[in-house]
Every structure is written in structure tokens, then in C-alpha cells.
Amino acid sequence: MGTLTYVQLQNEVRSGLGGRTDLDSRLPSIINLAQQRLARIHDYDEMEVISTTTVNNTGSTNDKYLTLPNKREVFSIVLLDGANSRKLIQRTPQFWDRRIPMPEYWARDRVQDYIIWGQTVELWPLPNATYTLRMRWSQWPQDLVASTDTSQFLQKDEILIELALVYCFNSLGKEDDARKHSANVSMLMLEAQQKDDTHPDLNILPSASDAQVIQDGGLGSTPWLDPFIRSNR
């Protein structure tokens, strides 16, 4: 989380403008625009989320849909089912529509594949019972509204202030001042991205062979029951 409140951010931007007050009514929107721009530039670790949700067998074809409001990227979805827990496989929409254009036609079972379209996750097969899904995903920042709100960005208040000043000076036709603060943004962004997590504990191992995938995936000698040849990888 940020350190400065919404009101304090506005005060700092106003100070950077030389104390002028004619932009006061615009400062709330400008600070939120600065948040949006910062999020577009880089997907910071603090915007990553681990959440759980349930999927159910209600008998409706809508059982195949999940909605992730404010989603930026989905990194992983895992079905939690004890010893039968498994990572779901993400597919491309083209592959999906070619292989299973009507997911509800297939018999319900434990979910194993998904695609993403906009803010919607589509699952296959449709769940045959109630399951818990654990999702790793990143989100766009929420707008600051209340005076005591702080930004979701961690230790990046200074960048938000500088981005807001760039916007203000550009809107006032003061390109030289905007360029000066743009240089500050570039310097601060470099520092922030260097401090972002570099995943030092990442350990990459070779994947199993296709034969192991079929055997260990539980399909045994009947891999044709799965329309996705490599879905158990």
C-alpha cells in the first residue's frame, strides 16, 4: 500500500504546481489517471492476487463461466480436490472453439481446461459437483475515492505525484515543465522496476514425456477420452 492518503497526494501535486488552486477540482481524476498509467507501464508484484472461488453444478450452462472484475492477467488456476487437485490448462480461444465449440454438450466432470475472454473465464468440462478454484492473477488499481484512501501501489507515491504533474503541465500547455517531470518519472520507474521481485527461487525442470503424461494423468490406456491430447501435461 501507499503511504500518503488521497488528500495528501493532492496536496503534493498542488505544491508541485506552485500552490495554484484552479486545478483543485481536477486533481482527484488526475491522480487516478496517474494510477492507470503506472499500471499500464508495468505489472508490479503488489498488484498480484491469490484468491479462491467455487464452481458449482447448478444445472445451468452458466456454470462454465467465472467473472474476474478488474482482471489484468491470469497466471494460474488450480482445482483443489485433495489428492485429485490439479492445475487447469489455459487454451487459446481459437483452439477452444475448434475443439469444443459447445462445452455444455460434454458430460460434466472435474474442471480441467479454461480460456479467458475479456473479464470472463470459461471452464471445461462444466463442473459435476462443487469445487474450489485457487487463482493467481493480477489486477488493475482501484480508484481512490475517500480522502483517507491510499494507493494499492507499494512505495510508489512519488511516481504517482510526478505522473500527475506531467499530466497537469501538459494540459496547461507547459511542455517544458512536463518534460522535466517526465525525466523524473523515468528515473523513478527505473528504480521501482529494479526493486520489483526477480523471482530468485525459480527452479525450472524438464517436463514429463507424453507417455508419462498419459499414464500419470489418470487416463491409462484410454487417452482418446480427452479431446485435448496434452491436457494432462
Protein backbone atom coordinates (compact mmCIF):
# COMPACT_ATOMS: atom_id res chain seq x y z
CA MET A 1 0.00 0.00 0.00
CA GLY A 2 0.97 3.59 -0.43
CA THR A 3 2.00 5.87 2.41
CA LEU A 4 0.19 9.09 1.51
CA THR A 5 -3.58 9.40 1.64
CA TYR A 6 -5.68 10.61 -1.28
CA VAL A 7 -5.81 14.10 0.20
CA GLN A 8 -2.06 14.15 0.85
CA LEU A 9 -1.34 13.13 -2.75
CA GLN A 10 -3.49 16.01 -3.95
CA ASN A 11 -1.65 18.39 -1.62
CA GLU A 12 1.73 17.29 -3.00
CA VAL A 13 0.60 17.71 -6.61
CA ARG A 14 -0.80 21.15 -5.79
CA SER A 15 2.53 22.07 -4.23
CA GLY A 16 4.36 20.85 -7.33
CA LEU A 17 2.16 23.19 -9.37
CA GLY A 18 3.40 26.13 -7.32
CA GLY A 19 0.41 26.23 -5.00
CA ARG A 20 -2.13 27.14 -7.68
CA THR A 21 -5.68 26.13 -6.78
CA ASP A 22 -7.50 26.49 -10.11
CA LEU A 23 -6.93 22.76 -10.81
CA ASP A 24 -8.24 21.54 -7.46
CA SER A 25 -11.44 20.14 -8.93
CA ARG A 26 -9.43 18.10 -11.45
CA LEU A 27 -6.78 16.72 -9.09
CA PRO A 28 -8.82 13.68 -7.93
CA SER A 29 -9.33 12.50 -11.51
CA ILE A 30 -5.73 13.28 -12.48
CA ILE A 31 -4.31 11.19 -9.62
CA ASN A 32 -6.46 8.24 -10.62
CA LEU A 33 -5.34 8.66 -14.22
CA ALA A 34 -1.74 8.58 -12.91
CA GLN A 35 -2.53 5.25 -11.24
CA GLN A 36 -3.85 3.87 -14.51
CA ARG A 37 -0.78 4.98 -16.41
CA LEU A 38 1.57 3.50 -13.81
CA ALA A 39 -0.28 0.18 -14.05
CA ARG A 40 -0.03 0.19 -17.86
CA ILE A 41 3.72 0.74 -17.73
CA HIS A 42 4.49 -2.25 -15.50
CA ASP A 43 2.63 -5.08 -13.77
CA TYR A 44 4.00 -4.68 -10.24
CA ASP A 45 4.13 -7.51 -7.71
CA GLU A 46 1.80 -5.78 -5.27
CA MET A 47 -0.98 -5.95 -7.84
CA GLU A 48 -0.80 -9.75 -7.84
CA VAL A 49 -3.63 -11.56 -6.08
CA ILE A 50 -4.25 -15.09 -4.78
CA SER A 51 -7.95 -15.75 -4.39
CA THR A 52 -10.31 -18.69 -4.17
CA THR A 53 -13.77 -19.18 -5.57
CA THR A 54 -16.17 -22.06 -6.02
CA VAL A 55 -17.76 -23.53 -9.13
CA ASN A 56 -20.97 -25.49 -8.82
CA ASN A 57 -23.26 -27.87 -10.64
CA THR A 58 -26.49 -25.88 -10.73
CA GLY A 59 -27.69 -27.46 -13.96
CA SER A 60 -27.25 -24.17 -15.80
CA THR A 61 -24.98 -23.67 -18.82
CA ASN A 62 -23.70 -20.57 -16.99
CA ASP A 63 -21.80 -22.94 -14.68
CA LYS A 64 -18.97 -22.71 -17.22
CA TYR A 65 -18.37 -19.00 -16.56
CA LEU A 66 -16.35 -17.14 -13.96
CA THR A 67 -16.04 -13.35 -13.85
CA LEU A 68 -12.87 -11.61 -12.68
CA PRO A 69 -13.66 -7.90 -12.41
CA ASN A 70 -10.62 -5.66 -12.64
CA LYS A 71 -8.51 -8.54 -14.06
CA ARG A 72 -5.26 -7.72 -15.80
CA GLU A 73 -3.55 -11.12 -16.21
CA VAL A 74 -4.31 -14.66 -15.05
CA PHE A 75 -1.17 -16.67 -14.22
CA SER A 76 -2.58 -19.92 -12.88
CA ILE A 77 -5.82 -21.62 -11.83
CA VAL A 78 -5.77 -24.75 -9.67
CA LEU A 79 -8.71 -27.03 -8.85
CA LEU A 80 -8.46 -28.01 -5.18
CA ASP A 81 -9.76 -31.54 -4.64
CA GLY A 82 -7.47 -33.27 -2.19
CA ALA A 83 -5.21 -35.83 -3.84
CA ASN A 84 -7.01 -35.12 -7.13
CA SER A 85 -6.04 -31.43 -7.13
CA ARG A 86 -4.69 -30.24 -10.46
CA LYS A 87 -3.61 -27.15 -12.34
CA LEU A 88 -6.06 -26.17 -15.04
CA ILE A 89 -4.71 -25.73 -18.56
CA GLN A 90 -5.28 -22.45 -20.36
CA ARG A 91 -6.24 -22.74 -24.04
CA THR A 92 -6.47 -20.21 -26.84
CA PRO A 93 -9.96 -19.14 -27.97
CA GLN A 94 -9.27 -20.44 -31.49
CA PHE A 95 -8.24 -23.86 -30.18
CA TRP A 96 -11.25 -23.89 -27.85
CA ASP A 97 -13.83 -23.00 -30.48
CA ARG A 98 -12.38 -25.53 -32.90
CA ARG A 99 -12.27 -28.46 -30.47
CA ILE A 100 -15.24 -27.84 -28.15
CA PRO A 101 -17.48 -25.17 -29.70
CA MET A 102 -20.29 -26.19 -27.30
CA PRO A 103 -18.76 -27.05 -23.90
CA GLU A 104 -22.13 -27.83 -22.31
CA TYR A 105 -22.60 -30.72 -24.78
CA TRP A 106 -19.93 -32.73 -22.99
CA ALA A 107 -20.61 -34.73 -19.84
CA ARG A 108 -19.90 -32.82 -16.65
CA ASP A 109 -16.75 -33.73 -14.77
CA ARG A 110 -13.90 -32.20 -12.78
CA VAL A 111 -12.83 -28.98 -14.49
CA GLN A 112 -9.51 -29.24 -16.32
CA ASP A 113 -9.27 -26.53 -19.01
CA TYR A 114 -10.15 -22.88 -19.42
CA ILE A 115 -9.92 -19.87 -21.71
CA ILE A 116 -10.01 -16.16 -20.95
CA TRP A 117 -12.13 -13.71 -22.89
CA GLY A 118 -12.16 -10.18 -21.52
CA GLN A 119 -13.03 -10.38 -17.84
CA THR A 120 -14.60 -13.83 -18.21
CA VAL A 121 -13.08 -17.27 -17.61
CA GLU A 122 -14.79 -20.15 -19.44
CA LEU A 123 -14.33 -23.64 -17.99
CA TRP A 124 -14.42 -27.16 -19.43
CA PRO A 125 -15.84 -29.60 -18.59
CA LEU A 126 -18.71 -27.97 -16.74
CA PRO A 127 -18.36 -28.96 -13.07
CA ASN A 128 -20.20 -32.10 -11.93
CA ALA A 129 -20.04 -31.01 -8.28
CA THR A 130 -18.90 -28.10 -6.14
CA TYR A 131 -15.16 -27.44 -6.42
CA THR A 132 -12.83 -24.78 -5.08
CA LEU A 133 -10.53 -22.99 -7.51
CA ARG A 134 -7.39 -21.15 -6.39
CA MET A 135 -6.35 -18.40 -8.79
CA ARG A 136 -3.17 -16.38 -9.17
CA TRP A 137 -3.88 -13.20 -11.10
CA SER A 138 -3.01 -9.53 -11.27
CA GLN A 139 -5.42 -6.63 -11.16
CA TRP A 140 -5.76 -3.04 -12.28
CA PRO A 141 -5.65 -0.48 -9.44
CA GLN A 142 -8.87 0.61 -7.82
CA ASP A 143 -9.71 4.29 -8.00
CA LEU A 144 -9.02 6.37 -4.90
CA VAL A 145 -12.30 7.79 -3.62
CA ALA A 146 -12.30 8.57 0.10
CA SER A 147 -9.97 11.23 1.48
CA THR A 148 -8.18 8.61 3.63
CA ASP A 149 -7.72 6.08 0.80
CA THR A 150 -4.15 5.02 -0.01
CA SER A 151 -2.93 3.61 -3.30
CA GLN A 152 -2.58 -0.14 -3.79
CA PHE A 153 0.88 0.53 -5.21
CA LEU A 154 3.66 -0.15 -2.72
CA GLN A 155 6.16 2.66 -2.07
CA LYS A 156 5.26 4.46 -5.32
CA ASP A 157 3.56 7.64 -4.13
CA GLU A 158 6.37 9.76 -5.58
CA ILE A 159 5.85 8.24 -9.03
CA LEU A 160 2.11 8.95 -8.85
CA ILE A 161 2.83 12.58 -7.92
CA GLU A 162 5.27 13.02 -10.79
CA LEU A 163 2.91 11.36 -13.29
CA ALA A 164 0.11 13.64 -12.11
CA LEU A 165 2.34 16.69 -12.58
CA VAL A 166 3.24 15.59 -16.10
CA TYR A 167 -0.46 15.36 -16.93
CA CYS A 168 -1.21 18.73 -15.36
CA PHE A 169 1.57 20.61 -17.10
CA ASN A 170 0.75 19.05 -20.47
CA SER A 171 -2.90 20.04 -20.06
CA LEU A 172 -1.78 23.61 -19.29
CA GLY A 173 0.44 23.77 -22.38
CA LYS A 174 3.62 23.89 -20.28
CA GLU A 175 5.57 21.31 -22.25
CA ASP A 176 8.97 22.24 -20.78
CA ASP A 177 7.76 21.64 -17.24
CA ALA A 178 6.08 18.42 -18.35
CA ARG A 179 9.35 17.17 -19.88
CA LYS A 180 11.23 17.93 -16.66
CA HIS A 181 8.82 15.82 -14.63
CA SER A 182 8.78 13.12 -17.31
CA ALA A 183 12.52 12.75 -16.75
CA ASN A 184 11.83 12.33 -13.04
CA VAL A 185 9.26 9.65 -13.84
CA SER A 186 11.76 7.74 -15.97
CA MET A 187 14.34 7.76 -13.19
CA LEU A 188 11.84 6.69 -10.53
CA MET A 189 10.38 3.97 -12.77
CA LEU A 190 13.84 2.52 -13.32
CA GLU A 191 14.39 2.35 -9.57
CA ALA A 192 10.98 0.77 -8.96
CA GLN A 193 11.36 -1.90 -11.63
CA GLN A 194 14.83 -2.81 -10.40
CA LYS A 195 13.39 -3.33 -6.92
CA ASP A 196 10.50 -5.43 -8.23
CA ASP A 197 10.66 -9.16 -7.45
CA THR A 198 13.02 -11.02 -9.81
CA HIS A 199 11.86 -14.50 -8.72
CA PRO A 200 15.25 -15.66 -7.33
CA ASP A 201 13.84 -19.02 -6.19
CA LEU A 202 12.53 -20.04 -9.62
CA ASN A 203 13.59 -23.61 -10.44
CA ILE A 204 12.89 -24.80 -13.99
CA LEU A 205 12.75 -28.58 -14.51
CA PRO A 206 12.13 -30.65 -17.67
CA SER A 207 8.55 -31.79 -18.18
CA ALA A 208 7.45 -35.41 -18.32
CA SER A 209 7.30 -37.36 -21.57
CA ASP A 210 3.98 -37.81 -23.36
CA ALA A 211 3.85 -41.44 -22.20
CA GLN A 212 4.30 -40.37 -18.58
CA VAL A 213 1.70 -37.66 -19.01
CA ILE A 214 -0.91 -40.16 -20.22
CA GLN A 215 -0.12 -42.74 -17.55
CA ASP A 216 0.33 -40.38 -14.59
CA GLY A 217 -2.60 -38.21 -15.67
CA GLY A 218 -5.02 -40.99 -14.88
CA LEU A 219 -6.12 -41.76 -18.43
CA GLY A 220 -4.29 -45.08 -18.55
CA SER A 221 -4.84 -46.76 -21.89
CA THR A 222 -7.76 -44.52 -22.93
CA PRO A 223 -6.25 -41.13 -23.83
CA TRP A 224 -8.91 -40.66 -26.54
CA LEU A 225 -11.43 -39.80 -23.80
CA ASP A 226 -9.70 -36.45 -23.54
CA PRO A 227 -10.19 -34.16 -26.60
CA PHE A 228 -7.07 -32.22 -25.63
CA ILE A 229 -4.20 -34.59 -26.37
CA ARG A 230 -1.78 -32.91 -23.99
CA SER A 231 -4.17 -31.54 -21.41
CA ASN A 232 -2.59 -33.53 -18.56
CA ARG A 233 0.86 -32.08 -19.05
